[in-house]
Amino acid sequence: MHYNSVDHFLTVHAARIPAVLLAAWQQVGGYYATQTPAAQQAQAEGVGQVVLATLRRGAIDQAETQAEMEGLAAQGIPLADIRHGSEGIEAGLRALVAAELADQPDLRQELERRIGHLGARVRARVTTAEMDHTLRRLTGPGTNS
């Protein structure tokens, strides 16, 4: 199939994105393995919509992502699981793009750039949240700072 744009590609493959997320999360296990299949599916569909919107825009909402990561850390969800999930999602999305856009190198390159940007930004926000969480623990009440 010939795709006219990033948006066209993402629209055609929107239903496949949750499956990419679920496959990545199954590889990670950890936090994701504690969820019921229904909860995993609901989360994959919700996160899938965010992934699609971000790839369409070509940029991540850094403040929103940072707040989400801090919220996950506050809930005790291991951010390492989120990081590994992000890596798996990036790999899965790259595989989808490579398979579907073998004959459209310019579009493939643009999507790969956006996927790489998304993955790097999410992992940067995870690292920032981990550092903030650690600093709050170290400098919280009862410490000698």
Protein backbone atom coordinates (compact mmCIF):
# COMPACT_ATOMS: atom_id res chain seq x y z
CA MET A 1 0.00 0.00 0.00
CA HIS A 2 1.18 3.52 -0.71
CA TYR A 3 0.84 6.03 2.14
CA ASN A 4 0.51 9.75 1.45
CA SER A 5 1.64 11.03 4.84
CA VAL A 6 2.52 10.18 8.42
CA ASP A 7 -1.12 10.77 9.34
CA HIS A 8 -2.33 8.41 6.60
CA PHE A 9 0.02 5.66 7.80
CA LEU A 10 -0.98 6.12 11.44
CA THR A 11 -4.68 6.16 10.58
CA VAL A 12 -4.44 2.92 8.63
CA HIS A 13 -2.44 1.20 11.40
CA ALA A 14 -4.07 2.77 14.47
CA ALA A 15 -5.71 -0.51 15.47
CA ARG A 16 -2.32 -2.26 15.52
CA ILE A 17 -0.70 0.13 18.01
CA PRO A 18 -2.28 -1.37 21.17
CA ALA A 19 -0.98 -4.81 20.13
CA VAL A 20 2.54 -3.36 19.83
CA LEU A 21 2.22 -1.95 23.35
CA LEU A 22 0.87 -5.19 24.79
CA ALA A 23 3.68 -7.21 23.22
CA ALA A 24 6.28 -4.86 24.68
CA TRP A 25 4.68 -4.96 28.11
CA GLN A 26 4.50 -8.76 28.08
CA GLN A 27 8.25 -8.83 27.47
CA VAL A 28 8.84 -6.49 30.43
CA GLY A 29 6.61 -8.28 32.90
CA GLY A 30 7.05 -6.60 36.29
CA TYR A 31 4.38 -3.99 36.92
CA TYR A 32 2.60 -4.90 33.70
CA ALA A 33 2.29 -8.57 34.70
CA THR A 34 0.33 -7.56 37.81
CA GLN A 35 -2.54 -6.21 35.72
CA THR A 36 -5.53 -8.19 34.55
CA PRO A 37 -5.82 -8.77 30.81
CA ALA A 38 -8.76 -6.33 30.70
CA ALA A 39 -6.74 -3.66 32.51
CA GLN A 40 -3.78 -4.23 30.17
CA GLN A 41 -6.01 -3.89 27.12
CA ALA A 42 -7.63 -0.71 28.44
CA GLN A 43 -4.22 0.76 29.24
CA ALA A 44 -2.87 -0.22 25.81
CA GLU A 45 -5.78 1.48 24.08
CA GLY A 46 -5.39 4.65 26.15
CA VAL A 47 -1.63 4.83 25.81
CA GLY A 48 -1.98 3.88 22.13
CA GLN A 49 -4.06 7.01 21.55
CA VAL A 50 -1.37 9.13 23.21
CA VAL A 51 1.33 7.46 21.09
CA LEU A 52 -0.65 8.10 17.91
CA ALA A 53 -1.28 11.75 18.81
CA THR A 54 2.38 12.26 19.71
CA LEU A 55 3.61 10.67 16.49
CA ARG A 56 1.19 12.80 14.49
CA ARG A 57 2.44 15.98 16.20
CA GLY A 58 6.05 14.90 16.02
CA ALA A 59 6.65 16.14 19.57
CA ILE A 60 5.87 14.98 23.08
CA ASP A 61 4.10 17.06 25.71
CA GLN A 62 7.01 17.08 28.14
CA ALA A 63 5.19 18.65 31.09
CA GLU A 64 2.32 16.17 30.84
CA THR A 65 4.70 13.24 30.48
CA GLN A 66 6.78 14.42 33.43
CA ALA A 67 3.69 14.73 35.61
CA GLU A 68 2.58 11.25 34.58
CA MET A 69 5.98 9.74 35.43
CA GLU A 70 6.03 11.46 38.81
CA GLY A 71 2.53 10.15 39.49
CA LEU A 72 3.60 6.61 38.63
CA ALA A 73 6.62 6.90 40.92
CA ALA A 74 4.41 8.21 43.74
CA GLN A 75 2.18 5.14 43.30
CA GLY A 76 5.21 2.91 43.74
CA ILE A 77 5.23 1.71 40.14
CA PRO A 78 8.82 0.84 39.18
CA LEU A 79 9.91 3.39 36.62
CA ALA A 80 12.45 0.88 35.34
CA ASP A 81 9.46 -1.12 34.07
CA ILE A 82 8.17 1.98 32.30
CA ARG A 83 11.62 2.57 30.76
CA HIS A 84 11.88 -1.03 29.53
CA GLY A 85 8.32 -0.87 28.22
CA SER A 86 9.23 2.28 26.31
CA GLU A 87 12.22 0.53 24.75
CA GLY A 88 10.04 -2.40 23.69
CA ILE A 89 7.38 -0.10 22.27
CA GLU A 90 10.00 1.78 20.27
CA ALA A 91 11.37 -1.49 18.87
CA GLY A 92 7.87 -2.73 18.01
CA LEU A 93 6.91 0.51 16.29
CA ARG A 94 10.16 0.54 14.32
CA ALA A 95 9.50 -3.05 13.18
CA LEU A 96 5.98 -2.13 12.06
CA VAL A 97 7.25 0.88 10.14
CA ALA A 98 10.11 -1.07 8.53
CA ALA A 99 7.76 -3.84 7.40
CA GLU A 100 5.08 -1.56 6.03
CA LEU A 101 7.25 1.17 4.52
CA ALA A 102 10.06 -0.80 2.90
CA ASP A 103 9.28 0.87 -0.43
CA GLN A 104 8.75 4.39 0.97
CA PRO A 105 12.10 5.34 2.52
CA ASP A 106 11.33 9.02 3.06
CA LEU A 107 8.16 8.33 5.01
CA ARG A 108 9.85 5.45 6.86
CA GLN A 109 12.72 7.74 7.86
CA GLU A 110 10.34 10.45 9.12
CA LEU A 111 8.35 7.97 11.20
CA GLU A 112 11.52 6.39 12.56
CA ARG A 113 12.73 9.86 13.56
CA ARG A 114 9.47 10.57 15.37
CA ILE A 115 9.46 7.16 17.06
CA GLY A 116 13.06 7.66 18.22
CA HIS A 117 12.22 11.13 19.51
CA LEU A 118 9.20 9.80 21.40
CA GLY A 119 11.18 6.97 22.98
CA ALA A 120 14.10 9.19 23.97
CA ARG A 121 11.83 11.83 25.49
CA VAL A 122 9.82 9.30 27.49
CA ARG A 123 13.01 7.73 28.84
CA ALA A 124 14.38 11.18 29.70
CA ARG A 125 11.20 11.96 31.63
CA VAL A 126 11.47 8.59 33.43
CA THR A 127 15.06 9.40 34.44
CA THR A 128 14.05 12.86 35.64
CA ALA A 129 11.19 11.42 37.70
CA GLU A 130 13.51 8.79 39.19
CA MET A 131 16.00 11.48 40.18
CA ASP A 132 13.30 13.74 41.62
CA HIS A 133 11.81 10.84 43.57
CA THR A 134 15.23 9.90 44.96
CA LEU A 135 16.04 13.50 45.90
CA ARG A 136 12.72 13.89 47.71
CA ARG A 137 13.41 10.69 49.63
CA LEU A 138 16.92 11.83 50.56
CA THR A 139 15.99 15.39 51.48
CA GLY A 140 12.59 14.71 53.00
CA PRO A 141 11.61 15.15 56.65
CA GLY A 142 14.05 13.69 59.16
CA THR A 143 17.17 14.04 57.01
CA ASN A 144 20.19 16.16 57.79
CA SER A 145 20.27 18.31 54.69
